[in-house]
Amino acid sequence: MVQVTVGIDGMMCGMCEAHVGDAIRKQFPEAKKVSASAGKGEAKFLLEKELPKPMLEHELHAAVDPLGYRILSVAVGEPEAKKGFFHFGR
């Protein structure tokens, strides 16, 4: 799996987060753990396999631009490791 992190300008509230999340789910039906944060100005989701970056960026623009938000960056990397309750202090 790969994690996609998208920097997005223009999200101001929870409804903005919901709109962006819904648009990503619609454009990438295979996406898992889709989340958007207005405070952080980003959206994150997981894909089973990595797509070529130009194709990924094109698909994200097709999903997000019509909503009136602006994509600032797209990063692809390893999923974040789970941090359980008992990892504190290790």
PDB file of N, CA and C in Angstrom:
ATOM      1  N   MET A   1       0.837  -1.184   0.000  1.00  0.00           N
ATOM      2  CA  MET A   1       0.000   0.000   0.000  1.00  0.00           C
ATOM      3  C   MET A   1       0.876   1.240   0.000  1.00  0.00           C
ATOM      4  N   VAL A   2       0.337   2.310  -0.563  1.00  0.00           N
ATOM      5  CA  VAL A   2       1.016   3.601  -0.540  1.00  0.00           C
ATOM      6  C   VAL A   2       0.069   4.642   0.038  1.00  0.00           C
ATOM      7  N   GLN A   3       0.648   5.608   0.731  1.00  0.00           N
ATOM      8  CA  GLN A   3      -0.148   6.707   1.276  1.00  0.00           C
ATOM      9  C   GLN A   3       0.044   7.928   0.391  1.00  0.00           C
ATOM     10  N   VAL A   4      -1.064   8.551   0.033  1.00  0.00           N
ATOM     11  CA  VAL A   4      -1.041   9.774  -0.753  1.00  0.00           C
ATOM     12  C   VAL A   4      -1.431  10.925   0.169  1.00  0.00           C
ATOM     13  N   THR A   5      -0.598  11.956   0.203  1.00  0.00           N
ATOM     14  CA  THR A   5      -0.875  13.152   0.985  1.00  0.00           C
ATOM     15  C   THR A   5      -0.983  14.315   0.019  1.00  0.00           C
ATOM     16  N   VAL A   6      -2.124  14.998   0.067  1.00  0.00           N
ATOM     17  CA  VAL A   6      -2.410  16.079  -0.877  1.00  0.00           C
ATOM     18  C   VAL A   6      -2.551  17.386  -0.106  1.00  0.00           C
ATOM     19  N   GLY A   7      -1.691  18.354  -0.399  1.00  0.00           N
ATOM     20  CA  GLY A   7      -1.831  19.687   0.181  1.00  0.00           C
ATOM     21  C   GLY A   7      -2.936  20.423  -0.552  1.00  0.00           C
ATOM     22  N   ILE A   8      -3.902  20.952   0.190  1.00  0.00           N
ATOM     23  CA  ILE A   8      -5.071  21.590  -0.428  1.00  0.00           C
ATOM     24  C   ILE A   8      -5.313  22.950   0.208  1.00  0.00           C
ATOM     25  N   ASP A   9      -5.464  23.966  -0.611  1.00  0.00           N
ATOM     26  CA  ASP A   9      -5.754  25.314  -0.147  1.00  0.00           C
ATOM     27  C   ASP A   9      -7.248  25.591  -0.311  1.00  0.00           C
ATOM     28  N   GLY A  10      -7.832  26.232   0.704  1.00  0.00           N
ATOM     29  CA  GLY A  10      -9.217  26.660   0.588  1.00  0.00           C
ATOM     30  C   GLY A  10     -10.204  25.946   1.489  1.00  0.00           C
ATOM     31  N   MET A  11      -9.776  24.869   2.138  1.00  0.00           N
ATOM     32  CA  MET A  11     -10.691  24.188   3.063  1.00  0.00           C
ATOM     33  C   MET A  11     -10.790  25.025   4.332  1.00  0.00           C
ATOM     34  N   MET A  12     -12.014  25.313   4.769  1.00  0.00           N
ATOM     35  CA  MET A  12     -12.214  26.173   5.933  1.00  0.00           C
ATOM     36  C   MET A  12     -12.978  25.500   7.077  1.00  0.00           C
ATOM     37  N   CYS A  13     -13.687  24.417   6.801  1.00  0.00           N
ATOM     38  CA  CYS A  13     -14.567  23.856   7.831  1.00  0.00           C
ATOM     39  C   CYS A  13     -14.771  22.355   7.605  1.00  0.00           C
ATOM     40  N   GLY A  14     -15.582  21.779   8.451  1.00  0.00           N
ATOM     41  CA  GLY A  14     -15.894  20.363   8.353  1.00  0.00           C
ATOM     42  C   GLY A  14     -16.601  19.991   7.064  1.00  0.00           C
ATOM     43  N   MET A  15     -17.447  20.879   6.566  1.00  0.00           N
ATOM     44  CA  MET A  15     -18.134  20.586   5.295  1.00  0.00           C
ATOM     45  C   MET A  15     -17.139  20.558   4.147  1.00  0.00           C
ATOM     46  N   CYS A  16     -16.147  21.438   4.183  1.00  0.00           N
ATOM     47  CA  CYS A  16     -15.096  21.426   3.163  1.00  0.00           C
ATOM     48  C   CYS A  16     -14.365  20.084   3.197  1.00  0.00           C
ATOM     49  N   GLU A  17     -14.039  19.631   4.409  1.00  0.00           N
ATOM     50  CA  GLU A  17     -13.369  18.342   4.563  1.00  0.00           C
ATOM     51  C   GLU A  17     -14.217  17.216   3.977  1.00  0.00           C
ATOM     52  N   ALA A  18     -15.515  17.251   4.249  1.00  0.00           N
ATOM     53  CA  ALA A  18     -16.424  16.219   3.739  1.00  0.00           C
ATOM     54  C   ALA A  18     -16.492  16.253   2.217  1.00  0.00           C
ATOM     55  N   HIS A  19     -16.562  17.452   1.637  1.00  0.00           N
ATOM     56  CA  HIS A  19     -16.631  17.566   0.178  1.00  0.00           C
ATOM     57  C   HIS A  19     -15.375  17.013  -0.487  1.00  0.00           C
ATOM     58  N   VAL A  20     -14.214  17.358   0.061  1.00  0.00           N
ATOM     59  CA  VAL A  20     -12.954  16.872  -0.501  1.00  0.00           C
ATOM     60  C   VAL A  20     -12.866  15.352  -0.344  1.00  0.00           C
ATOM     61  N   GLY A  21     -13.205  14.840   0.828  1.00  0.00           N
ATOM     62  CA  GLY A  21     -13.179  13.391   1.041  1.00  0.00           C
ATOM     63  C   GLY A  21     -14.100  12.648   0.087  1.00  0.00           C
ATOM     64  N   ASP A  22     -15.300  13.170  -0.103  1.00  0.00           N
ATOM     65  CA  ASP A  22     -16.247  12.538  -1.027  1.00  0.00           C
ATOM     66  C   ASP A  22     -15.733  12.565  -2.458  1.00  0.00           C
ATOM     67  N   ALA A  23     -15.118  13.678  -2.859  1.00  0.00           N
ATOM     68  CA  ALA A  23     -14.588  13.795  -4.224  1.00  0.00           C
ATOM     69  C   ALA A  23     -13.461  12.794  -4.454  1.00  0.00           C
ATOM     70  N   ILE A  24     -12.601  12.620  -3.451  1.00  0.00           N
ATOM     71  CA  ILE A  24     -11.504  11.654  -3.580  1.00  0.00           C
ATOM     72  C   ILE A  24     -12.060  10.233  -3.655  1.00  0.00           C
ATOM     73  N   ARG A  25     -13.040   9.915  -2.810  1.00  0.00           N
ATOM     74  CA  ARG A  25     -13.650   8.573  -2.848  1.00  0.00           C
ATOM     75  C   ARG A  25     -14.309   8.296  -4.194  1.00  0.00           C
ATOM     76  N   LYS A  26     -14.932   9.315  -4.774  1.00  0.00           N
ATOM     77  CA  LYS A  26     -15.598   9.134  -6.069  1.00  0.00           C
ATOM     78  C   LYS A  26     -14.569   8.917  -7.184  1.00  0.00           C
ATOM     79  N   GLN A  27     -13.473   9.678  -7.148  1.00  0.00           N
ATOM     80  CA  GLN A  27     -12.442   9.582  -8.192  1.00  0.00           C
ATOM     81  C   GLN A  27     -11.594   8.318  -8.040  1.00  0.00           C
ATOM     82  N   PHE A  28     -11.393   7.890  -6.787  1.00  0.00           N
ATOM     83  CA  PHE A  28     -10.583   6.708  -6.491  1.00  0.00           C
ATOM     84  C   PHE A  28     -11.408   5.740  -5.644  1.00  0.00           C
ATOM     85  N   PRO A  29     -12.301   4.962  -6.264  1.00  0.00           N
ATOM     86  CA  PRO A  29     -13.168   4.063  -5.490  1.00  0.00           C
ATOM     87  C   PRO A  29     -12.386   3.043  -4.659  1.00  0.00           C
ATOM     88  N   GLU A  30     -11.156   2.758  -5.051  1.00  0.00           N
ATOM     89  CA  GLU A  30     -10.332   1.791  -4.322  1.00  0.00           C
ATOM     90  C   GLU A  30      -9.609   2.405  -3.124  1.00  0.00           C
ATOM     91  N   ALA A  31      -9.726   3.715  -2.924  1.00  0.00           N
ATOM     92  CA  ALA A  31      -9.032   4.402  -1.834  1.00  0.00           C
ATOM     93  C   ALA A  31      -9.552   3.943  -0.469  1.00  0.00           C
ATOM     94  N   LYS A  32      -8.633   3.822   0.465  1.00  0.00           N
ATOM     95  CA  LYS A  32      -8.952   3.430   1.836  1.00  0.00           C
ATOM     96  C   LYS A  32      -8.549   4.558   2.774  1.00  0.00           C
ATOM     97  N   LYS A  33      -9.193   4.610   3.933  1.00  0.00           N
ATOM     98  CA  LYS A  33      -8.867   5.564   5.000  1.00  0.00           C
ATOM     99  C   LYS A  33      -8.723   6.999   4.480  1.00  0.00           C
ATOM    100  N   VAL A  34      -9.711   7.456   3.739  1.00  0.00           N
ATOM    101  CA  VAL A  34      -9.699   8.818   3.211  1.00  0.00           C
ATOM    102  C   VAL A  34     -10.020   9.791   4.340  1.00  0.00           C
ATOM    103  N   SER A  35      -9.167  10.784   4.507  1.00  0.00           N
ATOM    104  CA  SER A  35      -9.417  11.807   5.521  1.00  0.00           C
ATOM    105  C   SER A  35      -8.934  13.150   4.984  1.00  0.00           C
ATOM    106  N   ALA A  36      -9.599  14.204   5.421  1.00  0.00           N
ATOM    107  CA  ALA A  36      -9.202  15.559   5.045  1.00  0.00           C
ATOM    108  C   ALA A  36      -9.216  16.418   6.303  1.00  0.00           C
ATOM    109  N   SER A  37      -8.274  17.339   6.389  1.00  0.00           N
ATOM    110  CA  SER A  37      -8.166  18.218   7.546  1.00  0.00           C
ATOM    111  C   SER A  37      -8.025  19.663   7.078  1.00  0.00           C
ATOM    112  N   ALA A  38      -9.009  20.484   7.422  1.00  0.00           N
ATOM    113  CA  ALA A  38      -8.935  21.902   7.073  1.00  0.00           C
ATOM    114  C   ALA A  38      -7.813  22.566   7.857  1.00  0.00           C
ATOM    115  N   GLY A  39      -7.638  22.172   9.111  1.00  0.00           N
ATOM    116  CA  GLY A  39      -6.606  22.753   9.949  1.00  0.00           C
ATOM    117  C   GLY A  39      -5.202  22.511   9.412  1.00  0.00           C
ATOM    118  N   LYS A  40      -4.965  21.302   8.909  1.00  0.00           N
ATOM    119  CA  LYS A  40      -3.654  20.957   8.350  1.00  0.00           C
ATOM    120  C   LYS A  40      -3.548  21.336   6.879  1.00  0.00           C
ATOM    121  N   GLY A  41      -4.696  21.582   6.233  1.00  0.00           N
ATOM    122  CA  GLY A  41      -4.690  21.906   4.809  1.00  0.00           C
ATOM    123  C   GLY A  41      -4.261  20.737   3.951  1.00  0.00           C
ATOM    124  N   GLU A  42      -4.735  19.542   4.329  1.00  0.00           N
ATOM    125  CA  GLU A  42      -4.335  18.373   3.565  1.00  0.00           C
ATOM    126  C   GLU A  42      -5.395  17.277   3.607  1.00  0.00           C
ATOM    127  N   ALA A  43      -5.269  16.377   2.656  1.00  0.00           N
ATOM    128  CA  ALA A  43      -6.081  15.162   2.624  1.00  0.00           C
ATOM    129  C   ALA A  43      -5.118  13.988   2.500  1.00  0.00           C
ATOM    130  N   LYS A  44      -5.489  12.872   3.103  1.00  0.00           N
ATOM    131  CA  LYS A  44      -4.670  11.664   3.032  1.00  0.00           C
ATOM    132  C   LYS A  44      -5.557  10.483   2.699  1.00  0.00           C
ATOM    133  N   PHE A  45      -4.983   9.538   1.957  1.00  0.00           N
ATOM    134  CA  PHE A  45      -5.678   8.289   1.680  1.00  0.00           C
ATOM    135  C   PHE A  45      -4.669   7.231   1.272  1.00  0.00           C
ATOM    136  N   LEU A  46      -5.102   5.983   1.315  1.00  0.00           N
ATOM    137  CA  LEU A  46      -4.261   4.853   0.951  1.00  0.00           C
ATOM    138  C   LEU A  46      -4.740   4.254  -0.365  1.00  0.00           C
ATOM    139  N   LEU A  47      -3.779   3.824  -1.174  1.00  0.00           N
ATOM    140  CA  LEU A  47      -4.059   3.096  -2.414  1.00  0.00           C
ATOM    141  C   LEU A  47      -3.318   1.769  -2.373  1.00  0.00           C
ATOM    142  N   GLU A  48      -3.907   0.743  -2.953  1.00  0.00           N
ATOM    143  CA  GLU A  48      -3.277  -0.577  -2.985  1.00  0.00           C
ATOM    144  C   GLU A  48      -1.966  -0.558  -3.760  1.00  0.00           C
ATOM    145  N   LYS A  49      -1.973   0.132  -4.901  1.00  0.00           N
ATOM    146  CA  LYS A  49      -0.757   0.191  -5.716  1.00  0.00           C
ATOM    147  C   LYS A  49      -0.486   1.632  -6.117  1.00  0.00           C
ATOM    148  N   GLU A  50       0.771   1.920  -6.315  1.00  0.00           N
ATOM    149  CA  GLU A  50       1.188   3.268  -6.666  1.00  0.00           C
ATOM    150  C   GLU A  50       0.857   3.557  -8.126  1.00  0.00           C
ATOM    151  N   LEU A  51       0.287   4.734  -8.367  1.00  0.00           N
ATOM    152  CA  LEU A  51      -0.004   5.196  -9.719  1.00  0.00           C
ATOM    153  C   LEU A  51       1.118   6.122 -10.156  1.00  0.00           C
ATOM    154  N   PRO A  52       1.365   6.235 -11.470  1.00  0.00           N
ATOM    155  CA  PRO A  52       2.352   7.218 -11.922  1.00  0.00           C
ATOM    156  C   PRO A  52       1.937   8.611 -11.434  1.00  0.00           C
ATOM    157  N   LYS A  53       2.899   9.384 -10.921  1.00  0.00           N
ATOM    158  CA  LYS A  53       2.581  10.663 -10.299  1.00  0.00           C
ATOM    159  C   LYS A  53       1.818  11.616 -11.228  1.00  0.00           C
ATOM    160  N   PRO A  54       2.192  11.729 -12.516  1.00  0.00           N
ATOM    161  CA  PRO A  54       1.407  12.630 -13.388  1.00  0.00           C
ATOM    162  C   PRO A  54      -0.064  12.204 -13.495  1.00  0.00           C
ATOM    163  N   MET A  55      -0.298  10.897 -13.559  1.00  0.00           N
ATOM    164  CA  MET A  55      -1.674  10.390 -13.644  1.00  0.00           C
ATOM    165  C   MET A  55      -2.415  10.676 -12.339  1.00  0.00           C
ATOM    166  N   LEU A  56      -1.758  10.443 -11.208  1.00  0.00           N
ATOM    167  CA  LEU A  56      -2.355  10.691  -9.904  1.00  0.00           C
ATOM    168  C   LEU A  56      -2.711  12.174  -9.752  1.00  0.00           C
ATOM    169  N   GLU A  57      -1.780  13.048 -10.107  1.00  0.00           N
ATOM    170  CA  GLU A  57      -2.036  14.488 -10.017  1.00  0.00           C
ATOM    171  C   GLU A  57      -3.191  14.906 -10.917  1.00  0.00           C
ATOM    172  N   HIS A  58      -3.238  14.368 -12.132  1.00  0.00           N
ATOM    173  CA  HIS A  58      -4.330  14.690 -13.058  1.00  0.00           C
ATOM    174  C   HIS A  58      -5.679  14.278 -12.480  1.00  0.00           C
ATOM    175  N   GLU A  59      -5.750  13.068 -11.927  1.00  0.00           N
ATOM    176  CA  GLU A  59      -7.001  12.571 -11.349  1.00  0.00           C
ATOM    177  C   GLU A  59      -7.416  13.393 -10.125  1.00  0.00           C
ATOM    178  N   LEU A  60      -6.444  13.791  -9.308  1.00  0.00           N
ATOM    179  CA  LEU A  60      -6.761  14.615  -8.133  1.00  0.00           C
ATOM    180  C   LEU A  60      -7.273  15.995  -8.550  1.00  0.00           C
ATOM    181  N   HIS A  61      -6.642  16.591  -9.548  1.00  0.00           N
ATOM    182  CA  HIS A  61      -7.122  17.880 -10.041  1.00  0.00           C
ATOM    183  C   HIS A  61      -8.542  17.745 -10.591  1.00  0.00           C
ATOM    184  N   ALA A  62      -8.803  16.659 -11.313  1.00  0.00           N
ATOM    185  CA  ALA A  62     -10.144  16.437 -11.872  1.00  0.00           C
ATOM    186  C   ALA A  62     -11.187  16.318 -10.769  1.00  0.00           C
ATOM    187  N   ALA A  63     -10.797  15.786  -9.617  1.00  0.00           N
ATOM    188  CA  ALA A  63     -11.737  15.604  -8.508  1.00  0.00           C
ATOM    189  C   ALA A  63     -11.905  16.871  -7.677  1.00  0.00           C
ATOM    190  N   VAL A  64     -10.810  17.566  -7.385  1.00  0.00           N
ATOM    191  CA  VAL A  64     -10.822  18.654  -6.407  1.00  0.00           C
ATOM    192  C   VAL A  64     -11.025  20.040  -7.025  1.00  0.00           C
ATOM    193  N   ASP A  65     -10.444  20.302  -8.180  1.00  0.00           N
ATOM    194  CA  ASP A  65     -10.540  21.641  -8.788  1.00  0.00           C
ATOM    195  C   ASP A  65     -11.975  22.132  -9.000  1.00  0.00           C
ATOM    196  N   PRO A  66     -12.887  21.280  -9.489  1.00  0.00           N
ATOM    197  CA  PRO A  66     -14.264  21.764  -9.695  1.00  0.00           C
ATOM    198  C   PRO A  66     -14.966  22.206  -8.409  1.00  0.00           C
ATOM    199  N   LEU A  67     -14.461  21.777  -7.255  1.00  0.00           N
ATOM    200  CA  LEU A  67     -15.065  22.154  -5.979  1.00  0.00           C
ATOM    201  C   LEU A  67     -14.621  23.542  -5.528  1.00  0.00           C
ATOM    202  N   GLY A  68     -13.610  24.099  -6.195  1.00  0.00           N
ATOM    203  CA  GLY A  68     -13.130  25.427  -5.841  1.00  0.00           C
ATOM    204  C   GLY A  68     -11.926  25.434  -4.921  1.00  0.00           C
ATOM    205  N   TYR A  69     -11.344  24.278  -4.652  1.00  0.00           N
ATOM    206  CA  TYR A  69     -10.147  24.187  -3.831  1.00  0.00           C
ATOM    207  C   TYR A  69      -8.939  24.078  -4.752  1.00  0.00           C
ATOM    208  N   ARG A  70      -7.757  24.387  -4.204  1.00  0.00           N
ATOM    209  CA  ARG A  70      -6.551  24.368  -5.023  1.00  0.00           C
ATOM    210  C   ARG A  70      -5.560  23.364  -4.451  1.00  0.00           C
ATOM    211  N   ILE A  71      -5.087  22.465  -5.289  1.00  0.00           N
ATOM    212  CA  ILE A  71      -4.084  21.485  -4.880  1.00  0.00           C
ATOM    213  C   ILE A  71      -2.717  22.158  -4.895  1.00  0.00           C
ATOM    214  N   LEU A  72      -2.034  22.090  -3.758  1.00  0.00           N
ATOM    215  CA  LEU A  72      -0.714  22.704  -3.624  1.00  0.00           C
ATOM    216  C   LEU A  72       0.414  21.697  -3.812  1.00  0.00           C
ATOM    217  N   SER A  73       0.192  20.452  -3.371  1.00  0.00           N
ATOM    218  CA  SER A  73       1.242  19.442  -3.464  1.00  0.00           C
ATOM    219  C   SER A  73       0.636  18.051  -3.427  1.00  0.00           C
ATOM    220  N   VAL A  74       1.386  17.101  -3.973  1.00  0.00           N
ATOM    221  CA  VAL A  74       1.000  15.687  -3.921  1.00  0.00           C
ATOM    222  C   VAL A  74       2.251  14.897  -3.560  1.00  0.00           C
ATOM    223  N   ALA A  75       2.165  14.133  -2.477  1.00  0.00           N
ATOM    224  CA  ALA A  75       3.288  13.307  -2.051  1.00  0.00           C
ATOM    225  C   ALA A  75       2.822  11.867  -1.898  1.00  0.00           C
ATOM    226  N   VAL A  76       3.665  10.946  -2.326  1.00  0.00           N
ATOM    227  CA  VAL A  76       3.364   9.519  -2.230  1.00  0.00           C
ATOM    228  C   VAL A  76       4.457   8.867  -1.395  1.00  0.00           C
ATOM    229  N   GLY A  77       4.054   8.058  -0.424  1.00  0.00           N
ATOM    230  CA  GLY A  77       5.047   7.401   0.425  1.00  0.00           C
ATOM    231  C   GLY A  77       4.489   6.199   1.131  1.00  0.00           C
ATOM    232  N   GLU A  78       5.252   5.719   2.084  1.00  0.00           N
ATOM    233  CA  GLU A  78       4.848   4.577   2.886  1.00  0.00           C
ATOM    234  C   GLU A  78       3.741   4.994   3.850  1.00  0.00           C
ATOM    235  N   PRO A  79       2.789   4.104   4.120  1.00  0.00           N
ATOM    236  CA  PRO A  79       1.758   4.413   5.116  1.00  0.00           C
ATOM    237  C   PRO A  79       2.393   4.641   6.490  1.00  0.00           C
ATOM    238  N   GLU A  80       1.774   5.514   7.264  1.00  0.00           N
ATOM    239  CA  GLU A  80       2.267   5.775   8.612  1.00  0.00           C
ATOM    240  C   GLU A  80       2.093   4.532   9.469  1.00  0.00           C
ATOM    241  N   ALA A  81       3.075   4.259  10.296  1.00  0.00           N
ATOM    242  CA  ALA A  81       2.997   3.105  11.193  1.00  0.00           C
ATOM    243  C   ALA A  81       1.940   3.358  12.258  1.00  0.00           C
ATOM    244  N   LYS A  82       1.225   2.311  12.616  1.00  0.00           N
ATOM    245  CA  LYS A  82       0.219   2.423  13.670  1.00  0.00           C
ATOM    246  C   LYS A  82       0.923   2.658  14.995  1.00  0.00           C
ATOM    247  N   LYS A  83       0.364   3.548  15.780  1.00  0.00           N
ATOM    248  CA  LYS A  83       0.918   3.817  17.089  1.00  0.00           C
ATOM    249  C   LYS A  83      -0.163   3.487  18.126  1.00  0.00           C
ATOM    250  N   GLY A  84       0.043   2.403  18.812  1.00  0.00           N
ATOM    251  CA  GLY A  84      -0.918   1.989  19.825  1.00  0.00           C
ATOM    252  C   GLY A  84      -0.697   2.724  21.131  1.00  0.00           C
ATOM    253  N   PHE A  85      -1.551   2.499  22.059  1.00  0.00           N
ATOM    254  CA  PHE A  85      -1.514   3.135  23.360  1.00  0.00           C
ATOM    255  C   PHE A  85      -0.192   2.853  24.089  1.00  0.00           C
ATOM    256  N   PHE A  86       0.323   1.650  23.941  1.00  0.00           N
ATOM    257  CA  PHE A  86       1.489   1.244  24.705  1.00  0.00           C
ATOM    258  C   PHE A  86       2.816   1.594  24.049  1.00  0.00           C
ATOM    259  N   HIS A  87       2.805   2.331  22.933  1.00  0.00           N
ATOM    260  CA  HIS A  87       4.066   2.711  22.281  1.00  0.00           C
ATOM    261  C   HIS A  87       4.721   3.885  23.002  1.00  0.00           C
ATOM    262  N   PHE A  88       3.996   4.586  23.863  1.00  0.00           N
ATOM    263  CA  PHE A  88       4.530   5.752  24.554  1.00  0.00           C
ATOM    264  C   PHE A  88       5.769   5.388  25.364  1.00  0.00           C
ATOM    265  N   GLY A  89       6.809   6.169  25.196  1.00  0.00           N
ATOM    266  CA  GLY A  89       8.032   5.963  25.966  1.00  0.00           C
ATOM    267  C   GLY A  89       8.993   4.959  25.366  1.00  0.00           C
ATOM    268  N   ARG A  90       8.694   4.433  24.203  1.00  0.00           N
ATOM    269  CA  ARG A  90       9.602   3.448  23.580  1.00  0.00           C
ATOM    270  C   ARG A  90      10.480   4.124  22.590  1.00  0.00           C
TER     271      ARG A  90
END
